[in-house]
PDB file of all heavy atoms in Angstrom:
ATOM      1  N   ALA A   1     135.803 142.853 171.638  1.00  0.00           N
ATOM      2  CA  ALA A   1     134.621 142.877 170.706  1.00  0.00           C
ATOM      3  C   ALA A   1     133.448 142.549 171.324  1.00  0.00           C
ATOM      4  O   ALA A   1     132.445 143.087 171.061  1.00  0.00           O
ATOM      5  CB  ALA A   1     135.043 142.022 169.498  1.00  0.00           C
ATOM      6  N   ILE A   2     133.411 141.514 172.226  1.00  0.00           N
ATOM      7  CA  ILE A   2     132.291 141.118 172.962  1.00  0.00           C
ATOM      8  C   ILE A   2     131.801 142.311 173.777  1.00  0.00           C
ATOM      9  O   ILE A   2     130.548 142.617 173.731  1.00  0.00           O
ATOM     10  CB  ILE A   2     132.627 139.943 173.868  1.00  0.00           C
ATOM     11  CG1 ILE A   2     132.801 138.725 173.070  1.00  0.00           C
ATOM     12  CG2 ILE A   2     131.381 139.644 174.829  1.00  0.00           C
ATOM     13  CD1 ILE A   2     133.331 137.513 173.804  1.00  0.00           C
ATOM     14  N   LYS A   3     132.606 142.914 174.505  1.00  0.00           N
ATOM     15  CA  LYS A   3     132.252 144.093 175.391  1.00  0.00           C
ATOM     16  C   LYS A   3     131.765 145.290 174.582  1.00  0.00           C
ATOM     17  O   LYS A   3     130.897 145.987 175.091  1.00  0.00           O
ATOM     18  CB  LYS A   3     133.379 144.492 176.246  1.00  0.00           C
ATOM     19  CG  LYS A   3     133.753 143.559 177.363  1.00  0.00           C
ATOM     20  CD  LYS A   3     132.588 143.121 178.223  1.00  0.00           C
ATOM     21  CE  LYS A   3     132.796 143.386 179.662  1.00  0.00           C
ATOM     22  NZ  LYS A   3     131.709 143.283 180.535  1.00  0.00           N
ATOM     23  N   ARG A   4     132.221 145.483 173.368  1.00  0.00           N
ATOM     24  CA  ARG A   4     131.691 146.559 172.465  1.00  0.00           C
ATOM     25  C   ARG A   4     130.337 146.187 172.070  1.00  0.00           C
ATOM     26  O   ARG A   4     129.444 147.084 172.035  1.00  0.00           O
ATOM     27  CB  ARG A   4     132.649 146.744 171.257  1.00  0.00           C
ATOM     28  CG  ARG A   4     133.784 147.717 171.467  1.00  0.00           C
ATOM     29  CD  ARG A   4     134.299 148.099 170.112  1.00  0.00           C
ATOM     30  NE  ARG A   4     134.833 146.966 169.365  1.00  0.00           N
ATOM     31  CZ  ARG A   4     136.057 146.457 169.395  1.00  0.00           C
ATOM     32  NH1 ARG A   4     136.929 146.882 170.330  1.00  0.00           N
ATOM     33  NH2 ARG A   4     136.392 145.409 168.622  1.00  0.00           N
ATOM     34  N   ARG A   5     130.040 144.967 171.704  1.00  0.00           N
ATOM     35  CA  ARG A   5     128.668 144.533 171.246  1.00  0.00           C
ATOM     36  C   ARG A   5     127.727 144.418 172.348  1.00  0.00           C
ATOM     37  O   ARG A   5     126.593 144.818 172.332  1.00  0.00           O
ATOM     38  CB  ARG A   5     128.748 143.240 170.466  1.00  0.00           C
ATOM     39  CG  ARG A   5     127.446 142.872 169.859  1.00  0.00           C
ATOM     40  CD  ARG A   5     127.618 141.807 168.847  1.00  0.00           C
ATOM     41  NE  ARG A   5     126.241 141.467 168.409  1.00  0.00           N
ATOM     42  CZ  ARG A   5     125.883 140.375 167.772  1.00  0.00           C
ATOM     43  NH1 ARG A   5     126.825 139.618 167.440  1.00  0.00           N
ATOM     44  NH2 ARG A   5     124.640 140.172 167.444  1.00  0.00           N
ATOM     45  N   TRP A   6     128.136 143.915 173.549  1.00  0.00           N
ATOM     46  CA  TRP A   6     127.284 143.718 174.723  1.00  0.00           C
ATOM     47  C   TRP A   6     128.021 144.183 175.921  1.00  0.00           C
ATOM     48  O   TRP A   6     128.698 143.457 176.614  1.00  0.00           O
ATOM     49  CB  TRP A   6     127.029 142.232 174.930  1.00  0.00           C
ATOM     50  CG  TRP A   6     126.283 141.556 173.791  1.00  0.00           C
ATOM     51  CD1 TRP A   6     125.102 141.689 173.391  1.00  0.00           C
ATOM     52  CD2 TRP A   6     126.903 140.543 172.903  1.00  0.00           C
ATOM     53  NE1 TRP A   6     124.719 140.981 172.366  1.00  0.00           N
ATOM     54  CE2 TRP A   6     125.749 140.145 172.036  1.00  0.00           C
ATOM     55  CE3 TRP A   6     128.037 139.965 172.801  1.00  0.00           C
ATOM     56  CZ2 TRP A   6     126.067 139.301 170.983  1.00  0.00           C
ATOM     57  CZ3 TRP A   6     128.298 139.020 171.735  1.00  0.00           C
ATOM     58  CH2 TRP A   6     127.270 138.714 170.945  1.00  0.00           C
ATOM     59  N   PRO A   7     128.027 145.577 176.192  1.00  0.00           N
ATOM     60  CA  PRO A   7     128.800 146.192 177.252  1.00  0.00           C
ATOM     61  C   PRO A   7     128.460 145.542 178.598  1.00  0.00           C
ATOM     62  O   PRO A   7     129.272 145.572 179.540  1.00  0.00           O
ATOM     63  CB  PRO A   7     128.405 147.654 177.188  1.00  0.00           C
ATOM     64  CG  PRO A   7     127.626 147.857 176.008  1.00  0.00           C
ATOM     65  CD  PRO A   7     127.213 146.566 175.386  1.00  0.00           C
ATOM     66  N   TRP A   8     127.215 145.015 178.763  1.00  0.00           N
ATOM     67  CA  TRP A   8     126.845 144.537 180.101  1.00  0.00           C
ATOM     68  C   TRP A   8     127.213 143.104 180.266  1.00  0.00           C
ATOM     69  O   TRP A   8     126.913 142.433 181.298  1.00  0.00           O
ATOM     70  CB  TRP A   8     125.352 144.669 180.197  1.00  0.00           C
ATOM     71  CG  TRP A   8     124.638 144.013 179.006  1.00  0.00           C
ATOM     72  CD1 TRP A   8     124.205 142.736 179.028  1.00  0.00           C
ATOM     73  CD2 TRP A   8     124.365 144.558 177.829  1.00  0.00           C
ATOM     74  NE1 TRP A   8     123.676 142.456 177.772  1.00  0.00           N
ATOM     75  CE2 TRP A   8     123.671 143.601 176.974  1.00  0.00           C
ATOM     76  CE3 TRP A   8     124.522 145.832 177.225  1.00  0.00           C
ATOM     77  CZ2 TRP A   8     123.335 143.828 175.719  1.00  0.00           C
ATOM     78  CZ3 TRP A   8     124.130 145.989 175.884  1.00  0.00           C
ATOM     79  CH2 TRP A   8     123.543 145.001 175.188  1.00  0.00           C
ATOM     80  N   ALA A   9     127.834 142.394 179.350  1.00  0.00           N
ATOM     81  CA  ALA A   9     128.144 140.969 179.370  1.00  0.00           C
ATOM     82  C   ALA A   9     129.174 140.631 180.431  1.00  0.00           C
ATOM     83  O   ALA A   9     130.111 141.547 180.735  1.00  0.00           O
ATOM     84  CB  ALA A   9     128.657 140.529 178.031  1.00  0.00           C
ATOM     85  N   TRP A  10     128.925 139.522 180.938  1.00  0.00           N
ATOM     86  CA  TRP A  10     129.974 138.956 181.872  1.00  0.00           C
ATOM     87  C   TRP A  10     130.819 138.017 181.114  1.00  0.00           C
ATOM     88  O   TRP A  10     130.189 137.040 180.410  1.00  0.00           O
ATOM     89  CB  TRP A  10     129.162 138.200 183.013  1.00  0.00           C
ATOM     90  CG  TRP A  10     130.044 137.468 184.017  1.00  0.00           C
ATOM     91  CD1 TRP A  10     130.645 137.983 185.062  1.00  0.00           C
ATOM     92  CD2 TRP A  10     130.326 136.058 184.005  1.00  0.00           C
ATOM     93  NE1 TRP A  10     131.310 136.946 185.754  1.00  0.00           N
ATOM     94  CE2 TRP A  10     131.245 135.845 185.064  1.00  0.00           C
ATOM     95  CE3 TRP A  10     130.106 135.060 183.007  1.00  0.00           C
ATOM     96  CZ2 TRP A  10     131.752 134.590 185.313  1.00  0.00           C
ATOM     97  CZ3 TRP A  10     130.693 133.783 183.280  1.00  0.00           C
ATOM     98  CH2 TRP A  10     131.400 133.634 184.391  1.00  0.00           C
ATOM     99  N   VAL A  11     132.063 138.138 181.133  1.00  0.00           N
ATOM    100  CA  VAL A  11     132.974 137.309 180.342  1.00  0.00           C
ATOM    101  C   VAL A  11     134.023 136.669 181.202  1.00  0.00           C
ATOM    102  O   VAL A  11     134.649 137.398 181.915  1.00  0.00           O
ATOM    103  CB  VAL A  11     133.641 138.033 179.100  1.00  0.00           C
ATOM    104  CG1 VAL A  11     134.529 137.153 178.260  1.00  0.00           C
ATOM    105  CG2 VAL A  11     132.636 138.806 178.294  1.00  0.00           C
ATOM    106  N   TYR A  12     134.252 135.427 181.126  1.00  0.00           N
ATOM    107  CA  TYR A  12     135.193 134.710 181.907  1.00  0.00           C
ATOM    108  C   TYR A  12     136.086 133.917 180.933  1.00  0.00           C
ATOM    109  O   TYR A  12     135.655 133.215 180.022  1.00  0.00           O
ATOM    110  CB  TYR A  12     134.557 133.701 182.813  1.00  0.00           C
ATOM    111  CG  TYR A  12     135.512 132.875 183.647  1.00  0.00           C
ATOM    112  CD1 TYR A  12     136.341 133.457 184.625  1.00  0.00           C
ATOM    113  CD2 TYR A  12     135.683 131.583 183.439  1.00  0.00           C
ATOM    114  CE1 TYR A  12     137.218 132.741 185.319  1.00  0.00           C
ATOM    115  CE2 TYR A  12     136.490 130.775 184.156  1.00  0.00           C
ATOM    116  CZ  TYR A  12     137.275 131.358 185.136  1.00  0.00           C
ATOM    117  OH  TYR A  12     138.164 130.613 185.807  1.00  0.00           O
ATOM    118  N   HIS A  13     137.381 134.069 181.174  1.00  0.00           N
ATOM    119  CA  HIS A  13     138.330 133.326 180.343  1.00  0.00           C
ATOM    120  C   HIS A  13     138.969 132.177 181.254  1.00  0.00           C
ATOM    121  O   HIS A  13     139.942 132.442 182.038  1.00  0.00           O
ATOM    122  CB  HIS A  13     139.579 134.250 179.871  1.00  0.00           C
ATOM    123  CG  HIS A  13     140.426 133.526 179.006  1.00  0.00           C
ATOM    124  ND1 HIS A  13     141.633 132.969 179.472  1.00  0.00           N
ATOM    125  CD2 HIS A  13     140.487 133.404 177.618  1.00  0.00           C
ATOM    126  CE1 HIS A  13     142.196 132.390 178.378  1.00  0.00           C
ATOM    127  NE2 HIS A  13     141.578 132.778 177.305  1.00  0.00           N
ATOM    128  N   PRO A  14     138.429 131.003 181.162  1.00  0.00           N
ATOM    129  CA  PRO A  14     138.941 129.923 181.884  1.00  0.00           C
ATOM    130  C   PRO A  14     140.397 129.648 181.685  1.00  0.00           C
ATOM    131  O   PRO A  14     140.994 129.684 180.591  1.00  0.00           O
ATOM    132  CB  PRO A  14     138.127 128.687 181.565  1.00  0.00           C
ATOM    133  CG  PRO A  14     137.016 129.165 180.595  1.00  0.00           C
ATOM    134  CD  PRO A  14     137.482 130.487 180.158  1.00  0.00           C
ATOM    135  N   CYS A  15     141.144 129.470 182.789  1.00  0.00           N
ATOM    136  CA  CYS A  15     142.548 128.974 182.618  1.00  0.00           C
ATOM    137  C   CYS A  15     142.707 127.637 183.286  1.00  0.00           C
ATOM    138  O   CYS A  15     143.733 127.301 183.771  1.00  0.00           O
ATOM    139  CB  CYS A  15     143.317 130.060 183.295  1.00  0.00           C
ATOM    140  SG  CYS A  15     143.044 130.305 185.035  1.00  0.00           S
ATOM    141  N   ASP A  16     141.671 126.757 183.103  1.00  0.00           N
ATOM    142  CA  ASP A  16     141.609 125.354 183.608  1.00  0.00           C
ATOM    143  C   ASP A  16     142.440 124.501 182.577  1.00  0.00           C
ATOM    144  O   ASP A  16     142.039 124.160 181.594  1.00  0.00           O
ATOM    145  CB  ASP A  16     140.239 124.929 183.713  1.00  0.00           C
ATOM    146  CG  ASP A  16     140.160 123.557 184.354  1.00  0.00           C
ATOM    147  OD1 ASP A  16     141.168 122.828 184.596  1.00  0.00           O
ATOM    148  OD2 ASP A  16     138.963 123.065 184.572  1.00  0.00           O
ATOM    149  N   THR A  17     143.615 124.191 183.057  1.00  0.00           N
ATOM    150  CA  THR A  17     144.412 123.310 182.175  1.00  0.00           C
ATOM    151  C   THR A  17     144.274 121.874 182.633  1.00  0.00           C
ATOM    152  O   THR A  17     144.840 120.937 181.898  1.00  0.00           O
ATOM    153  CB  THR A  17     145.904 123.747 182.267  1.00  0.00           C
ATOM    154  OG1 THR A  17     146.348 123.546 183.673  1.00  0.00           O
ATOM    155  CG2 THR A  17     146.119 125.113 181.791  1.00  0.00           C
ATOM    156  N   THR A  18     143.497 121.566 183.519  1.00  0.00           N
ATOM    157  CA  THR A  18     143.213 120.137 183.916  1.00  0.00           C
ATOM    158  C   THR A  18     142.076 119.560 183.301  1.00  0.00           C
ATOM    159  O   THR A  18     141.857 118.308 183.396  1.00  0.00           O
ATOM    160  CB  THR A  18     143.091 120.018 185.480  1.00  0.00           C
ATOM    161  OG1 THR A  18     141.885 120.773 185.851  1.00  0.00           O
ATOM    162  CG2 THR A  18     144.269 120.521 186.214  1.00  0.00           C
ATOM    163  N   HIS A  19     141.199 120.231 182.617  1.00  0.00           N
ATOM    164  CA  HIS A  19     140.017 119.716 181.943  1.00  0.00           C
ATOM    165  C   HIS A  19     140.098 120.169 180.464  1.00  0.00           C
ATOM    166  O   HIS A  19     139.782 121.205 180.138  1.00  0.00           O
ATOM    167  CB  HIS A  19     138.777 120.206 182.620  1.00  0.00           C
ATOM    168  CG  HIS A  19     137.600 119.401 182.162  1.00  0.00           C
ATOM    169  ND1 HIS A  19     136.999 119.643 180.997  1.00  0.00           N
ATOM    170  CD2 HIS A  19     136.901 118.422 182.835  1.00  0.00           C
ATOM    171  CE1 HIS A  19     135.953 118.826 180.895  1.00  0.00           C
ATOM    172  NE2 HIS A  19     135.836 118.046 181.959  1.00  0.00           N
ATOM    173  N   SER A  20     140.310 119.183 179.557  1.00  0.00           N
ATOM    174  CA  SER A  20     140.363 119.519 178.173  1.00  0.00           C
ATOM    175  C   SER A  20     139.059 119.761 177.644  1.00  0.00           C
ATOM    176  O   SER A  20     138.034 119.200 178.093  1.00  0.00           O
ATOM    177  CB  SER A  20     140.987 118.176 177.468  1.00  0.00           C
ATOM    178  OG  SER A  20     142.257 117.994 177.850  1.00  0.00           O
ATOM    179  N   GLY A  21     139.006 120.690 176.653  1.00  0.00           N
ATOM    180  CA  GLY A  21     137.759 120.934 175.889  1.00  0.00           C
ATOM    181  C   GLY A  21     137.009 122.086 176.380  1.00  0.00           C
ATOM    182  O   GLY A  21     135.978 122.459 175.757  1.00  0.00           O
ATOM    183  N   ILE A  22     137.345 122.746 177.528  1.00  0.00           N
ATOM    184  CA  ILE A  22     136.545 123.882 178.016  1.00  0.00           C
ATOM    185  C   ILE A  22     136.756 124.974 176.959  1.00  0.00           C
ATOM    186  O   ILE A  22     137.825 125.356 176.627  1.00  0.00           O
ATOM    187  CB  ILE A  22     137.092 124.369 179.424  1.00  0.00           C
ATOM    188  CG1 ILE A  22     136.854 123.228 180.388  1.00  0.00           C
ATOM    189  CG2 ILE A  22     136.402 125.625 179.910  1.00  0.00           C
ATOM    190  CD1 ILE A  22     135.426 122.804 180.656  1.00  0.00           C
ATOM    191  N   PRO A  23     135.609 125.659 176.567  1.00  0.00           N
ATOM    192  CA  PRO A  23     135.608 126.743 175.650  1.00  0.00           C
ATOM    193  C   PRO A  23     136.559 127.821 176.132  1.00  0.00           C
ATOM    194  O   PRO A  23     136.784 128.114 177.306  1.00  0.00           O
ATOM    195  CB  PRO A  23     134.266 127.124 175.356  1.00  0.00           C
ATOM    196  CG  PRO A  23     133.447 125.908 175.706  1.00  0.00           C
ATOM    197  CD  PRO A  23     134.178 125.312 176.828  1.00  0.00           C
ATOM    198  N   ASP A  24     137.105 128.516 175.249  1.00  0.00           N
ATOM    199  CA  ASP A  24     138.065 129.682 175.532  1.00  0.00           C
ATOM    200  C   ASP A  24     137.456 130.741 176.271  1.00  0.00           C
ATOM    201  O   ASP A  24     138.069 131.381 177.221  1.00  0.00           O
ATOM    202  CB  ASP A  24     138.719 130.321 174.278  1.00  0.00           C
ATOM    203  CG  ASP A  24     139.562 129.332 173.503  1.00  0.00           C
ATOM    204  OD1 ASP A  24     140.386 128.652 174.232  1.00  0.00           O
ATOM    205  OD2 ASP A  24     139.420 129.084 172.363  1.00  0.00           O
ATOM    206  N   LEU A  25     136.202 131.192 175.991  1.00  0.00           N
ATOM    207  CA  LEU A  25     135.523 132.208 176.688  1.00  0.00           C
ATOM    208  C   LEU A  25     134.049 131.694 177.055  1.00  0.00           C
ATOM    209  O   LEU A  25     133.279 131.108 176.286  1.00  0.00           O
ATOM    210  CB  LEU A  25     135.261 133.423 175.717  1.00  0.00           C
ATOM    211  CG  LEU A  25     136.597 134.148 175.227  1.00  0.00           C
ATOM    212  CD1 LEU A  25     136.319 135.189 174.197  1.00  0.00           C
ATOM    213  CD2 LEU A  25     137.292 134.678 176.463  1.00  0.00           C
ATOM    214  N   LEU A  26     133.730 132.005 178.276  1.00  0.00           N
ATOM    215  CA  LEU A  26     132.443 131.658 178.854  1.00  0.00           C
ATOM    216  C   LEU A  26     131.678 133.018 179.105  1.00  0.00           C
ATOM    217  O   LEU A  26     132.389 133.841 179.917  1.00  0.00           O
ATOM    218  CB  LEU A  26     132.558 130.802 180.107  1.00  0.00           C
ATOM    219  CG  LEU A  26     133.270 129.548 179.945  1.00  0.00           C
ATOM    220  CD1 LEU A  26     133.410 128.765 181.203  1.00  0.00           C
ATOM    221  CD2 LEU A  26     132.667 128.602 178.840  1.00  0.00           C
ATOM    222  N   CYS A  27     130.538 133.249 178.718  1.00  0.00           N
ATOM    223  CA  CYS A  27     129.863 134.514 178.865  1.00  0.00           C
ATOM    224  C   CYS A  27     128.413 134.377 179.356  1.00  0.00           C
ATOM    225  O   CYS A  27     127.764 133.359 179.172  1.00  0.00           O
ATOM    226  CB  CYS A  27     129.786 135.284 177.455  1.00  0.00           C
ATOM    227  SG  CYS A  27     131.337 135.275 176.585  1.00  0.00           S
ATOM    228  N   CYS A  28     127.968 135.390 180.066  1.00  0.00           N
ATOM    229  CA  CYS A  28     126.488 135.492 180.379  1.00  0.00           C
ATOM    230  C   CYS A  28     126.023 136.804 179.754  1.00  0.00           C
ATOM    231  O   CYS A  28     126.577 137.823 180.117  1.00  0.00           O
ATOM    232  CB  CYS A  28     126.245 135.430 181.844  1.00  0.00           C
ATOM    233  SG  CYS A  28     124.544 135.442 182.287  1.00  0.00           S
ATOM    234  N   ILE A  29     125.114 136.700 178.811  1.00  0.00           N
ATOM    235  CA  ILE A  29     124.616 137.873 178.044  1.00  0.00           C
ATOM    236  C   ILE A  29     123.078 137.794 178.057  1.00  0.00           C
ATOM    237  O   ILE A  29     122.537 136.759 177.567  1.00  0.00           O
ATOM    238  CB  ILE A  29     125.128 137.897 176.663  1.00  0.00           C
ATOM    239  CG1 ILE A  29     126.678 137.944 176.696  1.00  0.00           C
ATOM    240  CG2 ILE A  29     124.706 139.125 175.889  1.00  0.00           C
ATOM    241  CD1 ILE A  29     127.390 137.718 175.240  1.00  0.00           C
ATOM    242  N   ASN A  30     122.477 138.831 178.566  1.00  0.00           N
ATOM    243  CA  ASN A  30     121.034 138.939 178.659  1.00  0.00           C
ATOM    244  C   ASN A  30     120.434 137.659 179.321  1.00  0.00           C
ATOM    245  O   ASN A  30     119.450 137.087 178.934  1.00  0.00           O
ATOM    246  CB  ASN A  30     120.365 139.037 177.307  1.00  0.00           C
ATOM    247  CG  ASN A  30     120.751 140.321 176.581  1.00  0.00           C
ATOM    248  OD1 ASN A  30     121.019 141.390 177.230  1.00  0.00           O
ATOM    249  ND2 ASN A  30     120.700 140.366 175.272  1.00  0.00           N
ATOM    250  N   GLY A  31     121.179 137.119 180.304  1.00  0.00           N
ATOM    251  CA  GLY A  31     120.748 136.037 181.112  1.00  0.00           C
ATOM    252  C   GLY A  31     120.906 134.630 180.426  1.00  0.00           C
ATOM    253  O   GLY A  31     120.394 133.683 180.938  1.00  0.00           O
ATOM    254  N   GLN A  32     121.627 134.612 179.366  1.00  0.00           N
ATOM    255  CA  GLN A  32     121.780 133.394 178.576  1.00  0.00           C
ATOM    256  C   GLN A  32     123.257 133.162 178.629  1.00  0.00           C
ATOM    257  O   GLN A  32     124.154 133.990 178.542  1.00  0.00           O
ATOM    258  CB  GLN A  32     121.294 133.581 177.137  1.00  0.00           C
ATOM    259  CG  GLN A  32     119.917 133.768 177.029  1.00  0.00           C
ATOM    260  CD  GLN A  32     119.375 133.595 175.588  1.00  0.00           C
ATOM    261  OE1 GLN A  32     119.915 132.857 174.842  1.00  0.00           O
ATOM    262  NE2 GLN A  32     118.365 134.379 175.377  1.00  0.00           N
ATOM    263  N   PHE A  33     123.636 131.817 178.736  1.00  0.00           N
ATOM    264  CA  PHE A  33     124.911 131.316 178.664  1.00  0.00           C
ATOM    265  C   PHE A  33     125.498 131.231 177.249  1.00  0.00           C
ATOM    266  O   PHE A  33     124.761 130.657 176.395  1.00  0.00           O
ATOM    267  CB  PHE A  33     124.996 129.928 179.320  1.00  0.00           C
ATOM    268  CG  PHE A  33     126.399 129.321 179.458  1.00  0.00           C
ATOM    269  CD1 PHE A  33     127.283 129.773 180.403  1.00  0.00           C
ATOM    270  CD2 PHE A  33     126.784 128.340 178.600  1.00  0.00           C
ATOM    271  CE1 PHE A  33     128.543 129.262 180.465  1.00  0.00           C
ATOM    272  CE2 PHE A  33     128.063 127.857 178.569  1.00  0.00           C
ATOM    273  CZ  PHE A  33     128.997 128.258 179.527  1.00  0.00           C
ATOM    274  N   LEU A  34     126.713 131.624 177.075  1.00  0.00           N
ATOM    275  CA  LEU A  34     127.356 131.634 175.816  1.00  0.00           C
ATOM    276  C   LEU A  34     128.708 131.083 175.850  1.00  0.00           C
ATOM    277  O   LEU A  34     129.485 131.569 176.768  1.00  0.00           O
ATOM    278  CB  LEU A  34     127.374 133.077 175.115  1.00  0.00           C
ATOM    279  CG  LEU A  34     128.146 133.200 173.863  1.00  0.00           C
ATOM    280  CD1 LEU A  34     127.546 132.468 172.695  1.00  0.00           C
ATOM    281  CD2 LEU A  34     128.266 134.695 173.544  1.00  0.00           C
ATOM    282  N   ALA A  35     129.115 130.081 175.123  1.00  0.00           N
ATOM    283  CA  ALA A  35     130.446 129.600 175.175  1.00  0.00           C
ATOM    284  C   ALA A  35     131.106 129.826 173.730  1.00  0.00           C
ATOM    285  O   ALA A  35     130.453 129.562 172.729  1.00  0.00           O
ATOM    286  CB  ALA A  35     130.454 128.117 175.516  1.00  0.00           C
ATOM    287  N   LEU A  36     132.317 130.411 173.712  1.00  0.00           N
ATOM    288  CA  LEU A  36     132.933 130.679 172.480  1.00  0.00           C
ATOM    289  C   LEU A  36     134.275 129.958 172.424  1.00  0.00           C
ATOM    290  O   LEU A  36     135.174 130.064 173.359  1.00  0.00           O
ATOM    291  CB  LEU A  36     133.212 132.213 172.339  1.00  0.00           C
ATOM    292  CG  LEU A  36     132.012 133.114 172.350  1.00  0.00           C
ATOM    293  CD1 LEU A  36     132.445 134.572 172.283  1.00  0.00           C
ATOM    294  CD2 LEU A  36     131.128 132.798 171.051  1.00  0.00           C
ATOM    295  N   GLU A  37     134.487 129.159 171.415  1.00  0.00           N
ATOM    296  CA  GLU A  37     135.754 128.451 171.154  1.00  0.00           C
ATOM    297  C   GLU A  37     136.480 129.378 169.990  1.00  0.00           C
ATOM    298  O   GLU A  37     135.871 129.610 168.975  1.00  0.00           O
ATOM    299  CB  GLU A  37     135.639 127.047 170.711  1.00  0.00           C
ATOM    300  CG  GLU A  37     136.812 126.339 170.461  1.00  0.00           C
ATOM    301  CD  GLU A  37     137.728 126.220 171.626  1.00  0.00           C
ATOM    302  OE1 GLU A  37     137.170 125.994 172.759  1.00  0.00           O
ATOM    303  OE2 GLU A  37     138.979 126.405 171.474  1.00  0.00           O
ATOM    304  N   VAL A  38     137.606 129.946 170.378  1.00  0.00           N
ATOM    305  CA  VAL A  38     138.236 130.772 169.490  1.00  0.00           C
ATOM    306  C   VAL A  38     139.370 130.059 168.725  1.00  0.00           C
ATOM    307  O   VAL A  38     140.085 129.437 169.351  1.00  0.00           O
ATOM    308  CB  VAL A  38     138.871 132.085 170.204  1.00  0.00           C
ATOM    309  CG1 VAL A  38     139.474 132.964 169.330  1.00  0.00           C
ATOM    310  CG2 VAL A  38     137.808 132.758 171.109  1.00  0.00           C
TER     311      VAL A  38
END
């Protein structure tokens, strides 16, 4: 859904299990940082 809305977006799904609280998706869209907790 993110890629459909912002095809140029960079999306990273962290798999860091050693640091609690990191949002599920980290994105860079139009030069702005976006964190999504799903």
